[in-house]
PDB file of all heavy atoms in Angstrom:
ATOM      1  N   GLU A   1      -7.032   7.910  13.865  1.00  0.00           N
ATOM      2  CA  GLU A   1      -7.875   8.386  12.753  1.00  0.00           C
ATOM      3  C   GLU A   1      -7.013   8.841  11.575  1.00  0.00           C
ATOM      4  O   GLU A   1      -7.290   8.503  10.430  1.00  0.00           O
ATOM      5  CB  GLU A   1      -8.773   9.534  13.217  1.00  0.00           C
ATOM      6  CG  GLU A   1      -9.853   9.131  14.185  1.00  0.00           C
ATOM      7  CD  GLU A   1     -11.015   8.428  13.518  1.00  0.00           C
ATOM      8  OE1 GLU A   1     -11.258   8.656  12.327  1.00  0.00           O
ATOM      9  OE2 GLU A   1     -11.691   7.649  14.210  1.00  0.00           O
ATOM     10  N   THR A   2      -5.984   9.608  11.855  1.00  0.00           N
ATOM     11  CA  THR A   2      -5.108  10.133  10.801  1.00  0.00           C
ATOM     12  C   THR A   2      -4.369   9.013  10.087  1.00  0.00           C
ATOM     13  O   THR A   2      -4.309   8.979   8.856  1.00  0.00           O
ATOM     14  CB  THR A   2      -4.093  11.131  11.408  1.00  0.00           C
ATOM     15  OG1 THR A   2      -4.812  12.193  12.022  1.00  0.00           O
ATOM     16  CG2 THR A   2      -3.167  11.677  10.342  1.00  0.00           C
ATOM     17  N   THR A   3      -3.805   8.093  10.841  1.00  0.00           N
ATOM     18  CA  THR A   3      -3.000   7.014  10.267  1.00  0.00           C
ATOM     19  C   THR A   3      -3.817   6.056   9.429  1.00  0.00           C
ATOM     20  O   THR A   3      -3.398   5.667   8.335  1.00  0.00           O
ATOM     21  CB  THR A   3      -2.290   6.222  11.398  1.00  0.00           C
ATOM     22  OG1 THR A   3      -1.478   7.137  12.144  1.00  0.00           O
ATOM     23  CG2 THR A   3      -1.436   5.113  10.836  1.00  0.00           C
ATOM     24  N   TYR A   4      -4.996   5.657   9.907  1.00  0.00           N
ATOM     25  CA  TYR A   4      -5.726   4.568   9.268  1.00  0.00           C
ATOM     26  C   TYR A   4      -6.927   4.975   8.416  1.00  0.00           C
ATOM     27  O   TYR A   4      -7.468   4.150   7.686  1.00  0.00           O
ATOM     28  CB  TYR A   4      -6.166   3.550  10.324  1.00  0.00           C
ATOM     29  CG  TYR A   4      -4.975   2.901  10.984  1.00  0.00           C
ATOM     30  CD1 TYR A   4      -4.526   3.313  12.231  1.00  0.00           C
ATOM     31  CD2 TYR A   4      -4.262   1.911  10.328  1.00  0.00           C
ATOM     32  CE1 TYR A   4      -3.413   2.739  12.826  1.00  0.00           C
ATOM     33  CE2 TYR A   4      -3.148   1.332  10.907  1.00  0.00           C
ATOM     34  CZ  TYR A   4      -2.727   1.754  12.155  1.00  0.00           C
ATOM     35  OH  TYR A   4      -1.617   1.190  12.723  1.00  0.00           O
ATOM     36  N   PHE A   5      -7.349   6.238   8.480  1.00  0.00           N
ATOM     37  CA  PHE A   5      -8.560   6.618   7.748  1.00  0.00           C
ATOM     38  C   PHE A   5      -8.422   7.870   6.888  1.00  0.00           C
ATOM     39  O   PHE A   5      -9.273   8.123   6.043  1.00  0.00           O
ATOM     40  CB  PHE A   5      -9.741   6.803   8.715  1.00  0.00           C
ATOM     41  CG  PHE A   5     -10.135   5.531   9.402  1.00  0.00           C
ATOM     42  CD1 PHE A   5      -9.680   5.243  10.669  1.00  0.00           C
ATOM     43  CD2 PHE A   5     -10.952   4.608   8.754  1.00  0.00           C
ATOM     44  CE1 PHE A   5     -10.033   4.061  11.303  1.00  0.00           C
ATOM     45  CE2 PHE A   5     -11.311   3.427   9.380  1.00  0.00           C
ATOM     46  CZ  PHE A   5     -10.842   3.146  10.643  1.00  0.00           C
ATOM     47  N   LYS A   6      -7.392   8.671   7.088  1.00  0.00           N
ATOM     48  CA  LYS A   6      -7.310   9.962   6.396  1.00  0.00           C
ATOM     49  C   LYS A   6      -7.000   9.827   4.904  1.00  0.00           C
ATOM     50  O   LYS A   6      -7.595  10.517   4.079  1.00  0.00           O
ATOM     51  CB  LYS A   6      -6.256  10.851   7.058  1.00  0.00           C
ATOM     52  CG  LYS A   6      -6.245  12.256   6.503  1.00  0.00           C
ATOM     53  CD  LYS A   6      -5.315  13.151   7.279  1.00  0.00           C
ATOM     54  CE  LYS A   6      -5.390  14.565   6.726  1.00  0.00           C
ATOM     55  NZ  LYS A   6      -4.477  15.453   7.416  1.00  0.00           N
ATOM     56  N   LYS A   7      -6.084   8.945   4.530  1.00  0.00           N
ATOM     57  CA  LYS A   7      -5.671   8.839   3.123  1.00  0.00           C
ATOM     58  C   LYS A   7      -6.844   8.484   2.214  1.00  0.00           C
ATOM     59  O   LYS A   7      -7.005   9.064   1.148  1.00  0.00           O
ATOM     60  CB  LYS A   7      -4.545   7.823   2.960  1.00  0.00           C
ATOM     61  CG  LYS A   7      -4.033   7.743   1.514  1.00  0.00           C
ATOM     62  CD  LYS A   7      -2.740   6.983   1.424  1.00  0.00           C
ATOM     63  CE  LYS A   7      -2.223   6.908   0.020  1.00  0.00           C
ATOM     64  NZ  LYS A   7      -1.705   8.158  -0.521  1.00  0.00           N
ATOM     65  N   PHE A   8      -7.657   7.531   2.639  1.00  0.00           N
ATOM     66  CA  PHE A   8      -8.831   7.113   1.867  1.00  0.00           C
ATOM     67  C   PHE A   8     -10.036   7.070   2.801  1.00  0.00           C
ATOM     68  O   PHE A   8     -10.347   6.020   3.373  1.00  0.00           O
ATOM     69  CB  PHE A   8      -8.605   5.739   1.223  1.00  0.00           C
ATOM     70  CG  PHE A   8      -7.430   5.683   0.291  1.00  0.00           C
ATOM     71  CD1 PHE A   8      -6.356   4.852   0.552  1.00  0.00           C
ATOM     72  CD2 PHE A   8      -7.396   6.449  -0.868  1.00  0.00           C
ATOM     73  CE1 PHE A   8      -5.273   4.780  -0.306  1.00  0.00           C
ATOM     74  CE2 PHE A   8      -6.321   6.388  -1.736  1.00  0.00           C
ATOM     75  CZ  PHE A   8      -5.248   5.553  -1.456  1.00  0.00           C
ATOM     76  N   PRO A   9     -10.732   8.194   2.970  1.00  0.00           N
ATOM     77  CA  PRO A   9     -11.877   8.233   3.893  1.00  0.00           C
ATOM     78  C   PRO A   9     -12.904   7.140   3.582  1.00  0.00           C
ATOM     79  O   PRO A   9     -13.222   6.874   2.429  1.00  0.00           O
ATOM     80  CB  PRO A   9     -12.467   9.625   3.644  1.00  0.00           C
ATOM     81  CG  PRO A   9     -11.300  10.439   3.162  1.00  0.00           C
ATOM     82  CD  PRO A   9     -10.480   9.478   2.325  1.00  0.00           C
ATOM     83  N   GLY A  10     -13.376   6.504   4.660  1.00  0.00           N
ATOM     84  CA  GLY A  10     -14.359   5.436   4.513  1.00  0.00           C
ATOM     85  C   GLY A  10     -13.745   4.049   4.433  1.00  0.00           C
ATOM     86  O   GLY A  10     -14.453   3.048   4.439  1.00  0.00           O
ATOM     87  N   TYR A  11     -12.416   3.986   4.362  1.00  0.00           N
ATOM     88  CA  TYR A  11     -11.702   2.708   4.312  1.00  0.00           C
ATOM     89  C   TYR A  11     -10.668   2.670   5.427  1.00  0.00           C
ATOM     90  O   TYR A  11     -10.095   3.694   5.794  1.00  0.00           O
ATOM     91  CB  TYR A  11     -10.942   2.543   2.993  1.00  0.00           C
ATOM     92  CG  TYR A  11     -11.793   2.438   1.766  1.00  0.00           C
ATOM     93  CD1 TYR A  11     -12.073   3.558   0.996  1.00  0.00           C
ATOM     94  CD2 TYR A  11     -12.298   1.213   1.355  1.00  0.00           C
ATOM     95  CE1 TYR A  11     -12.839   3.473  -0.153  1.00  0.00           C
ATOM     96  CE2 TYR A  11     -13.071   1.112   0.204  1.00  0.00           C
ATOM     97  CZ  TYR A  11     -13.333   2.247  -0.538  1.00  0.00           C
ATOM     98  OH  TYR A  11     -14.089   2.150  -1.682  1.00  0.00           O
ATOM     99  N   TYR A  12     -10.404   1.473   5.939  1.00  0.00           N
ATOM    100  CA  TYR A  12      -9.326   1.245   6.890  1.00  0.00           C
ATOM    101  C   TYR A  12      -8.082   0.946   6.059  1.00  0.00           C
ATOM    102  O   TYR A  12      -8.028  -0.057   5.349  1.00  0.00           O
ATOM    103  CB  TYR A  12      -9.679   0.073   7.803  1.00  0.00           C
ATOM    104  CG  TYR A  12      -8.620  -0.272   8.821  1.00  0.00           C
ATOM    105  CD1 TYR A  12      -8.624   0.324  10.077  1.00  0.00           C
ATOM    106  CD2 TYR A  12      -7.629  -1.203   8.533  1.00  0.00           C
ATOM    107  CE1 TYR A  12      -7.664  -0.003  11.017  1.00  0.00           C
ATOM    108  CE2 TYR A  12      -6.672  -1.531   9.473  1.00  0.00           C
ATOM    109  CZ  TYR A  12      -6.688  -0.929  10.704  1.00  0.00           C
ATOM    110  OH  TYR A  12      -5.746  -1.244  11.630  1.00  0.00           O
ATOM    111  N   VAL A  13      -7.086   1.819   6.110  1.00  0.00           N
ATOM    112  CA  VAL A  13      -5.874   1.684   5.304  1.00  0.00           C
ATOM    113  C   VAL A  13      -4.824   0.905   6.104  1.00  0.00           C
ATOM    114  O   VAL A  13      -4.420   1.321   7.186  1.00  0.00           O
ATOM    115  CB  VAL A  13      -5.320   3.076   4.910  1.00  0.00           C
ATOM    116  CG1 VAL A  13      -4.071   2.936   4.068  1.00  0.00           C
ATOM    117  CG2 VAL A  13      -6.384   3.871   4.179  1.00  0.00           C
ATOM    118  N   THR A  14      -4.382  -0.224   5.553  1.00  0.00           N
ATOM    119  CA  THR A  14      -3.447  -1.094   6.262  1.00  0.00           C
ATOM    120  C   THR A  14      -2.011  -0.605   6.212  1.00  0.00           C
ATOM    121  O   THR A  14      -1.209  -0.958   7.057  1.00  0.00           O
ATOM    122  CB  THR A  14      -3.467  -2.513   5.666  1.00  0.00           C
ATOM    123  OG1 THR A  14      -2.951  -2.455   4.329  1.00  0.00           O
ATOM    124  CG2 THR A  14      -4.852  -3.105   5.697  1.00  0.00           C
ATOM    125  N   GLY A  15      -1.663   0.154   5.177  1.00  0.00           N
ATOM    126  CA  GLY A  15      -0.276   0.567   4.991  1.00  0.00           C
ATOM    127  C   GLY A  15       0.499  -0.423   4.134  1.00  0.00           C
ATOM    128  O   GLY A  15       1.698  -0.283   3.944  1.00  0.00           O
ATOM    129  N   ASP A  16      -0.200  -1.422   3.598  1.00  0.00           N
ATOM    130  CA  ASP A  16       0.445  -2.439   2.762  1.00  0.00           C
ATOM    131  C   ASP A  16       0.003  -2.311   1.311  1.00  0.00           C
ATOM    132  O   ASP A  16      -1.136  -1.957   1.026  1.00  0.00           O
ATOM    133  CB  ASP A  16       0.080  -3.850   3.240  1.00  0.00           C
ATOM    134  CG  ASP A  16       0.688  -4.184   4.577  1.00  0.00           C
ATOM    135  OD1 ASP A  16       1.875  -3.887   4.774  1.00  0.00           O
ATOM    136  OD2 ASP A  16      -0.022  -4.744   5.431  1.00  0.00           O
ATOM    137  N   GLY A  17       0.914  -2.654   0.426  1.00  0.00           N
ATOM    138  CA  GLY A  17       0.563  -2.808  -0.969  1.00  0.00           C
ATOM    139  C   GLY A  17       0.026  -4.213  -1.167  1.00  0.00           C
ATOM    140  O   GLY A  17       0.296  -5.118  -0.365  1.00  0.00           O
ATOM    141  N   CYS A  18      -0.755  -4.415  -2.209  1.00  0.00           N
ATOM    142  CA  CYS A  18      -1.382  -5.708  -2.419  1.00  0.00           C
ATOM    143  C   CYS A  18      -1.614  -5.947  -3.899  1.00  0.00           C
ATOM    144  O   CYS A  18      -1.849  -5.013  -4.667  1.00  0.00           O
ATOM    145  CB  CYS A  18      -2.713  -5.729  -1.679  1.00  0.00           C
ATOM    146  SG  CYS A  18      -3.577  -7.304  -1.758  1.00  0.00           S
ATOM    147  N   ARG A  19      -1.552  -7.204  -4.291  1.00  0.00           N
ATOM    148  CA  ARG A  19      -1.866  -7.604  -5.657  1.00  0.00           C
ATOM    149  C   ARG A  19      -2.926  -8.695  -5.581  1.00  0.00           C
ATOM    150  O   ARG A  19      -2.859  -9.582  -4.734  1.00  0.00           O
ATOM    151  CB  ARG A  19      -0.596  -8.151  -6.331  1.00  0.00           C
ATOM    152  CG  ARG A  19      -0.803  -8.655  -7.739  1.00  0.00           C
ATOM    153  CD  ARG A  19       0.525  -9.034  -8.384  1.00  0.00           C
ATOM    154  NE  ARG A  19       1.261 -10.042  -7.654  1.00  0.00           N
ATOM    155  CZ  ARG A  19       1.122 -11.358  -7.827  1.00  0.00           C
ATOM    156  NH1 ARG A  19       0.255 -11.823  -8.699  1.00  0.00           N
ATOM    157  NH2 ARG A  19       1.848 -12.204  -7.135  1.00  0.00           N
ATOM    158  N   ARG A  20      -3.928  -8.600  -6.442  1.00  0.00           N
ATOM    159  CA  ARG A  20      -4.945  -9.649  -6.538  1.00  0.00           C
ATOM    160  C   ARG A  20      -4.764 -10.303  -7.903  1.00  0.00           C
ATOM    161  O   ARG A  20      -4.738  -9.640  -8.933  1.00  0.00           O
ATOM    162  CB  ARG A  20      -6.351  -9.056  -6.403  1.00  0.00           C
ATOM    163  CG  ARG A  20      -7.450 -10.115  -6.375  1.00  0.00           C
ATOM    164  CD  ARG A  20      -8.830  -9.530  -6.109  1.00  0.00           C
ATOM    165  NE  ARG A  20      -9.062  -8.317  -6.868  1.00  0.00           N
ATOM    166  CZ  ARG A  20      -9.443  -7.159  -6.327  1.00  0.00           C
ATOM    167  NH1 ARG A  20      -9.652  -7.038  -5.049  1.00  0.00           N
ATOM    168  NH2 ARG A  20      -9.636  -6.097  -7.097  1.00  0.00           N
ATOM    169  N   ASP A  21      -4.633 -11.633  -7.918  1.00  0.00           N
ATOM    170  CA  ASP A  21      -4.414 -12.335  -9.179  1.00  0.00           C
ATOM    171  C   ASP A  21      -5.731 -12.732  -9.835  1.00  0.00           C
ATOM    172  O   ASP A  21      -6.813 -12.452  -9.313  1.00  0.00           O
ATOM    173  CB  ASP A  21      -3.472 -13.529  -8.998  1.00  0.00           C
ATOM    174  CG  ASP A  21      -4.045 -14.650  -8.141  1.00  0.00           C
ATOM    175  OD1 ASP A  21      -5.280 -14.737  -7.968  1.00  0.00           O
ATOM    176  OD2 ASP A  21      -3.242 -15.467  -7.645  1.00  0.00           O
ATOM    177  N   LYS A  22      -5.648 -13.387 -10.978  1.00  0.00           N
ATOM    178  CA  LYS A  22      -6.843 -13.743 -11.759  1.00  0.00           C
ATOM    179  C   LYS A  22      -7.750 -14.727 -11.029  1.00  0.00           C
ATOM    180  O   LYS A  22      -8.934 -14.816 -11.323  1.00  0.00           O
ATOM    181  CB  LYS A  22      -6.437 -14.310 -13.126  1.00  0.00           C
ATOM    182  CG  LYS A  22      -5.649 -15.592 -13.072  1.00  0.00           C
ATOM    183  CD  LYS A  22      -5.281 -16.070 -14.481  1.00  0.00           C
ATOM    184  CE  LYS A  22      -4.413 -17.284 -14.467  1.00  0.00           C
ATOM    185  NZ  LYS A  22      -4.916 -18.421 -13.758  1.00  0.00           N
ATOM    186  N   ASP A  23      -7.208 -15.455 -10.041  1.00  0.00           N
ATOM    187  CA  ASP A  23      -8.008 -16.406  -9.273  1.00  0.00           C
ATOM    188  C   ASP A  23      -8.623 -15.778  -8.016  1.00  0.00           C
ATOM    189  O   ASP A  23      -9.283 -16.466  -7.245  1.00  0.00           O
ATOM    190  CB  ASP A  23      -7.145 -17.608  -8.884  1.00  0.00           C
ATOM    191  CG  ASP A  23      -6.627 -18.367 -10.097  1.00  0.00           C
ATOM    192  OD1 ASP A  23      -7.419 -18.569 -11.047  1.00  0.00           O
ATOM    193  OD2 ASP A  23      -5.445 -18.751 -10.102  1.00  0.00           O
ATOM    194  N   GLY A  24      -8.359 -14.483  -7.802  1.00  0.00           N
ATOM    195  CA  GLY A  24      -8.920 -13.804  -6.640  1.00  0.00           C
ATOM    196  C   GLY A  24      -8.067 -13.878  -5.388  1.00  0.00           C
ATOM    197  O   GLY A  24      -8.486 -13.405  -4.332  1.00  0.00           O
ATOM    198  N   TYR A  25      -6.874 -14.457  -5.485  1.00  0.00           N
ATOM    199  CA  TYR A  25      -5.972 -14.525  -4.333  1.00  0.00           C
ATOM    200  C   TYR A  25      -5.328 -13.165  -4.103  1.00  0.00           C
ATOM    201  O   TYR A  25      -4.949 -12.481  -5.051  1.00  0.00           O
ATOM    202  CB  TYR A  25      -4.860 -15.552  -4.551  1.00  0.00           C
ATOM    203  CG  TYR A  25      -5.311 -16.971  -4.413  1.00  0.00           C
ATOM    204  CD1 TYR A  25      -5.748 -17.693  -5.518  1.00  0.00           C
ATOM    205  CD2 TYR A  25      -5.286 -17.608  -3.176  1.00  0.00           C
ATOM    206  CE1 TYR A  25      -6.162 -19.006  -5.398  1.00  0.00           C
ATOM    207  CE2 TYR A  25      -5.702 -18.921  -3.045  1.00  0.00           C
ATOM    208  CZ  TYR A  25      -6.139 -19.613  -4.157  1.00  0.00           C
ATOM    209  OH  TYR A  25      -6.548 -20.909  -4.032  1.00  0.00           O
ATOM    210  N   TYR A  26      -5.191 -12.778  -2.826  1.00  0.00           N
ATOM    211  CA  TYR A  26      -4.542 -11.534  -2.439  1.00  0.00           C
ATOM    212  C   TYR A  26      -3.091 -11.829  -2.059  1.00  0.00           C
ATOM    213  O   TYR A  26      -2.835 -12.751  -1.295  1.00  0.00           O
ATOM    214  CB  TYR A  26      -5.268 -10.895  -1.248  1.00  0.00           C
ATOM    215  CG  TYR A  26      -6.595 -10.296  -1.618  1.00  0.00           C
ATOM    216  CD1 TYR A  26      -7.730 -11.083  -1.754  1.00  0.00           C
ATOM    217  CD2 TYR A  26      -6.713  -8.932  -1.845  1.00  0.00           C
ATOM    218  CE1 TYR A  26      -8.950 -10.529  -2.103  1.00  0.00           C
ATOM    219  CE2 TYR A  26      -7.931  -8.365  -2.191  1.00  0.00           C
ATOM    220  CZ  TYR A  26      -9.035  -9.176  -2.323  1.00  0.00           C
ATOM    221  OH  TYR A  26     -10.242  -8.622  -2.670  1.00  0.00           O
ATOM    222  N   TRP A  27      -2.191 -11.031  -2.591  1.00  0.00           N
ATOM    223  CA  TRP A  27      -0.752 -11.163  -2.324  1.00  0.00           C
ATOM    224  C   TRP A  27      -0.263  -9.856  -1.710  1.00  0.00           C
ATOM    225  O   TRP A  27      -0.335  -8.807  -2.343  1.00  0.00           O
ATOM    226  CB  TRP A  27       0.017 -11.412  -3.614  1.00  0.00           C
ATOM    227  CG  TRP A  27      -0.386 -12.647  -4.343  1.00  0.00           C
ATOM    228  CD1 TRP A  27      -1.520 -12.847  -5.076  1.00  0.00           C
ATOM    229  CD2 TRP A  27       0.339 -13.858  -4.422  1.00  0.00           C
ATOM    230  NE1 TRP A  27      -1.537 -14.113  -5.600  1.00  0.00           N
ATOM    231  CE2 TRP A  27      -0.398 -14.758  -5.216  1.00  0.00           C
ATOM    232  CE3 TRP A  27       1.561 -14.286  -3.902  1.00  0.00           C
ATOM    233  CZ2 TRP A  27       0.028 -16.036  -5.494  1.00  0.00           C
ATOM    234  CZ3 TRP A  27       1.993 -15.563  -4.185  1.00  0.00           C
ATOM    235  CH2 TRP A  27       1.225 -16.428  -4.970  1.00  0.00           C
ATOM    236  N   ILE A  28       0.201  -9.900  -0.467  1.00  0.00           N
ATOM    237  CA  ILE A  28       0.732  -8.701   0.183  1.00  0.00           C
ATOM    238  C   ILE A  28       2.113  -8.438  -0.418  1.00  0.00           C
ATOM    239  O   ILE A  28       2.981  -9.315  -0.396  1.00  0.00           O
ATOM    240  CB  ILE A  28       0.841  -8.880   1.706  1.00  0.00           C
ATOM    241  CG1 ILE A  28      -0.485  -9.345   2.308  1.00  0.00           C
ATOM    242  CG2 ILE A  28       1.349  -7.593   2.356  1.00  0.00           C
ATOM    243  CD1 ILE A  28      -1.650  -8.440   2.085  1.00  0.00           C
ATOM    244  N   THR A  29       2.322  -7.234  -0.943  1.00  0.00           N
ATOM    245  CA  THR A  29       3.584  -6.917  -1.616  1.00  0.00           C
ATOM    246  C   THR A  29       4.541  -6.115  -0.752  1.00  0.00           C
ATOM    247  O   THR A  29       5.665  -5.866  -1.158  1.00  0.00           O
ATOM    248  CB  THR A  29       3.323  -6.153  -2.931  1.00  0.00           C
ATOM    249  OG1 THR A  29       2.579  -4.971  -2.642  1.00  0.00           O
ATOM    250  CG2 THR A  29       2.555  -7.014  -3.917  1.00  0.00           C
ATOM    251  N   GLY A  30       4.121  -5.718   0.433  1.00  0.00           N
ATOM    252  CA  GLY A  30       5.023  -5.006   1.341  1.00  0.00           C
ATOM    253  C   GLY A  30       4.452  -3.669   1.778  1.00  0.00           C
ATOM    254  O   GLY A  30       3.396  -3.233   1.319  1.00  0.00           O
ATOM    255  N   ARG A  31       5.182  -3.035   2.665  1.00  0.00           N
ATOM    256  CA  ARG A  31       4.762  -1.751   3.214  1.00  0.00           C
ATOM    257  C   ARG A  31       4.819  -0.675   2.142  1.00  0.00           C
ATOM    258  O   ARG A  31       5.808  -0.571   1.421  1.00  0.00           O
ATOM    259  CB  ARG A  31       5.675  -1.348   4.378  1.00  0.00           C
ATOM    260  CG  ARG A  31       5.662  -2.310   5.539  1.00  0.00           C
ATOM    261  CD  ARG A  31       4.362  -2.356   6.267  1.00  0.00           C
ATOM    262  NE  ARG A  31       4.005  -1.044   6.788  1.00  0.00           N
ATOM    263  CZ  ARG A  31       2.785  -0.705   7.166  1.00  0.00           C
ATOM    264  NH1 ARG A  31       1.801  -1.557   7.104  1.00  0.00           N
ATOM    265  NH2 ARG A  31       2.536   0.491   7.622  1.00  0.00           N
ATOM    266  N   ILE A  32       3.778   0.130   2.045  1.00  0.00           N
ATOM    267  CA  ILE A  32       3.759   1.200   1.052  1.00  0.00           C
ATOM    268  C   ILE A  32       4.651   2.359   1.473  1.00  0.00           C
ATOM    269  O   ILE A  32       5.046   3.166   0.648  1.00  0.00           O
ATOM    270  CB  ILE A  32       2.330   1.698   0.756  1.00  0.00           C
ATOM    271  CG1 ILE A  32       1.633   2.148   2.024  1.00  0.00           C
ATOM    272  CG2 ILE A  32       1.540   0.655   0.020  1.00  0.00           C
ATOM    273  CD1 ILE A  32       0.258   2.736   1.818  1.00  0.00           C
ATOM    274  N   ASP A  33       4.980   2.422   2.757  1.00  0.00           N
ATOM    275  CA  ASP A  33       5.846   3.500   3.226  1.00  0.00           C
ATOM    276  C   ASP A  33       7.314   3.110   3.222  1.00  0.00           C
ATOM    277  O   ASP A  33       8.166   3.890   3.605  1.00  0.00           O
ATOM    278  CB  ASP A  33       5.415   3.965   4.613  1.00  0.00           C
ATOM    279  CG  ASP A  33       5.404   2.848   5.641  1.00  0.00           C
ATOM    280  OD1 ASP A  33       5.679   1.689   5.286  1.00  0.00           O
ATOM    281  OD2 ASP A  33       5.111   3.137   6.808  1.00  0.00           O
ATOM    282  N   ASP A  34       7.629   1.894   2.791  1.00  0.00           N
ATOM    283  CA  ASP A  34       9.006   1.424   2.742  1.00  0.00           C
ATOM    284  C   ASP A  34       9.549   1.639   1.332  1.00  0.00           C
ATOM    285  O   ASP A  34       9.726   0.705   0.561  1.00  0.00           O
ATOM    286  CB  ASP A  34       9.060  -0.058   3.138  1.00  0.00           C
ATOM    287  CG  ASP A  34      10.426  -0.460   3.650  1.00  0.00           C
ATOM    288  OD1 ASP A  34      11.299   0.403   3.781  1.00  0.00           O
ATOM    289  OD2 ASP A  34      10.603  -1.659   3.922  1.00  0.00           O
ATOM    290  N   MET A  35       9.751   2.908   1.007  1.00  0.00           N
ATOM    291  CA  MET A  35      10.151   3.285  -0.342  1.00  0.00           C
ATOM    292  C   MET A  35      11.522   3.956  -0.310  1.00  0.00           C
ATOM    293  O   MET A  35      11.903   4.571   0.679  1.00  0.00           O
ATOM    294  CB  MET A  35       9.137   4.255  -0.943  1.00  0.00           C
ATOM    295  CG  MET A  35       7.714   3.731  -0.969  1.00  0.00           C
ATOM    296  SD  MET A  35       7.484   2.345  -2.063  1.00  0.00           S
ATOM    297  CE  MET A  35       7.341   3.173  -3.611  1.00  0.00           C
ATOM    298  N   LEU A  36      12.236   3.838  -1.431  1.00  0.00           N
ATOM    299  CA  LEU A  36      13.537   4.478  -1.591  1.00  0.00           C
ATOM    300  C   LEU A  36      13.476   5.434  -2.770  1.00  0.00           C
ATOM    301  O   LEU A  36      12.816   5.158  -3.766  1.00  0.00           O
ATOM    302  CB  LEU A  36      14.611   3.424  -1.884  1.00  0.00           C
ATOM    303  CG  LEU A  36      14.757   2.292  -0.887  1.00  0.00           C
ATOM    304  CD1 LEU A  36      15.596   1.177  -1.473  1.00  0.00           C
ATOM    305  CD2 LEU A  36      15.400   2.811   0.363  1.00  0.00           C
ATOM    306  N   ASN A  37      14.196   6.544  -2.678  1.00  0.00           N
ATOM    307  CA  ASN A  37      14.277   7.488  -3.781  1.00  0.00           C
ATOM    308  C   ASN A  37      15.700   7.441  -4.322  1.00  0.00           C
ATOM    309  O   ASN A  37      16.616   8.005  -3.739  1.00  0.00           O
ATOM    310  CB  ASN A  37      13.914   8.893  -3.304  1.00  0.00           C
ATOM    311  CG  ASN A  37      13.719   9.851  -4.454  1.00  0.00           C
ATOM    312  OD1 ASN A  37      14.123   9.589  -5.583  1.00  0.00           O
ATOM    313  ND2 ASN A  37      13.102  10.971  -4.164  1.00  0.00           N
ATOM    314  N   VAL A  38      15.867   6.735  -5.435  1.00  0.00           N
ATOM    315  CA  VAL A  38      17.183   6.558  -6.049  1.00  0.00           C
ATOM    316  C   VAL A  38      17.205   7.331  -7.355  1.00  0.00           C
ATOM    317  O   VAL A  38      16.480   6.989  -8.297  1.00  0.00           O
ATOM    318  CB  VAL A  38      17.493   5.064  -6.298  1.00  0.00           C
ATOM    319  CG1 VAL A  38      18.862   4.896  -6.944  1.00  0.00           C
ATOM    320  CG2 VAL A  38      17.407   4.272  -4.997  1.00  0.00           C
ATOM    321  N   SER A  39      17.982   8.371  -7.401  1.00  0.00           N
ATOM    322  CA  SER A  39      18.098   9.224  -8.604  1.00  0.00           C
ATOM    323  C   SER A  39      16.733   9.674  -9.117  1.00  0.00           C
ATOM    324  O   SER A  39      16.480   9.673 -10.322  1.00  0.00           O
ATOM    325  CB  SER A  39      18.856   8.488  -9.703  1.00  0.00           C
ATOM    326  OG  SER A  39      20.167   8.227  -9.309  1.00  0.00           O
ATOM    327  N   GLY A  40      15.845  10.018  -8.206  1.00  0.00           N
ATOM    328  CA  GLY A  40      14.533  10.498  -8.602  1.00  0.00           C
ATOM    329  C   GLY A  40      13.526   9.403  -8.917  1.00  0.00           C
ATOM    330  O   GLY A  40      12.399   9.679  -9.289  1.00  0.00           O
ATOM    331  N   HIS A  41      13.915   8.145  -8.766  1.00  0.00           N
ATOM    332  CA  HIS A  41      13.015   7.013  -9.010  1.00  0.00           C
ATOM    333  C   HIS A  41      12.570   6.458  -7.667  1.00  0.00           C
ATOM    334  O   HIS A  41      13.388   6.086  -6.838  1.00  0.00           O
ATOM    335  CB  HIS A  41      13.706   5.912  -9.821  1.00  0.00           C
ATOM    336  CG  HIS A  41      14.155   6.367 -11.165  1.00  0.00           C
ATOM    337  ND1 HIS A  41      13.293   6.495 -12.225  1.00  0.00           N
ATOM    338  CD2 HIS A  41      15.371   6.745 -11.612  1.00  0.00           C
ATOM    339  CE1 HIS A  41      13.957   6.918 -13.275  1.00  0.00           C
ATOM    340  NE2 HIS A  41      15.232   7.092 -12.925  1.00  0.00           N
ATOM    341  N   LEU A  42      11.255   6.386  -7.459  1.00  0.00           N
ATOM    342  CA  LEU A  42      10.701   5.852  -6.228  1.00  0.00           C
ATOM    343  C   LEU A  42      10.599   4.340  -6.348  1.00  0.00           C
ATOM    344  O   LEU A  42       9.897   3.824  -7.218  1.00  0.00           O
ATOM    345  CB  LEU A  42       9.320   6.470  -5.978  1.00  0.00           C
ATOM    346  CG  LEU A  42       8.806   6.433  -4.554  1.00  0.00           C
ATOM    347  CD1 LEU A  42       9.784   7.109  -3.596  1.00  0.00           C
ATOM    348  CD2 LEU A  42       7.468   7.117  -4.480  1.00  0.00           C
ATOM    349  N   LEU A  43      11.331   3.622  -5.503  1.00  0.00           N
ATOM    350  CA  LEU A  43      11.374   2.160  -5.553  1.00  0.00           C
ATOM    351  C   LEU A  43      10.885   1.581  -4.240  1.00  0.00           C
ATOM    352  O   LEU A  43      11.224   2.067  -3.168  1.00  0.00           O
ATOM    353  CB  LEU A  43      12.806   1.675  -5.792  1.00  0.00           C
ATOM    354  CG  LEU A  43      13.527   2.184  -7.032  1.00  0.00           C
ATOM    355  CD1 LEU A  43      14.986   1.746  -7.001  1.00  0.00           C
ATOM    356  CD2 LEU A  43      12.847   1.663  -8.276  1.00  0.00           C
TER     357      LEU A  43
END
């Protein structure tokens, strides 16, 4: 429950970032928790 529903109640959160293009295609951009903090910049 905590992992998949707490961040956005009512939605199943995959843990992935995503981009939808003008044609409606979904592009998985990677894990949202796979981030680096370089000199205060979250990458």
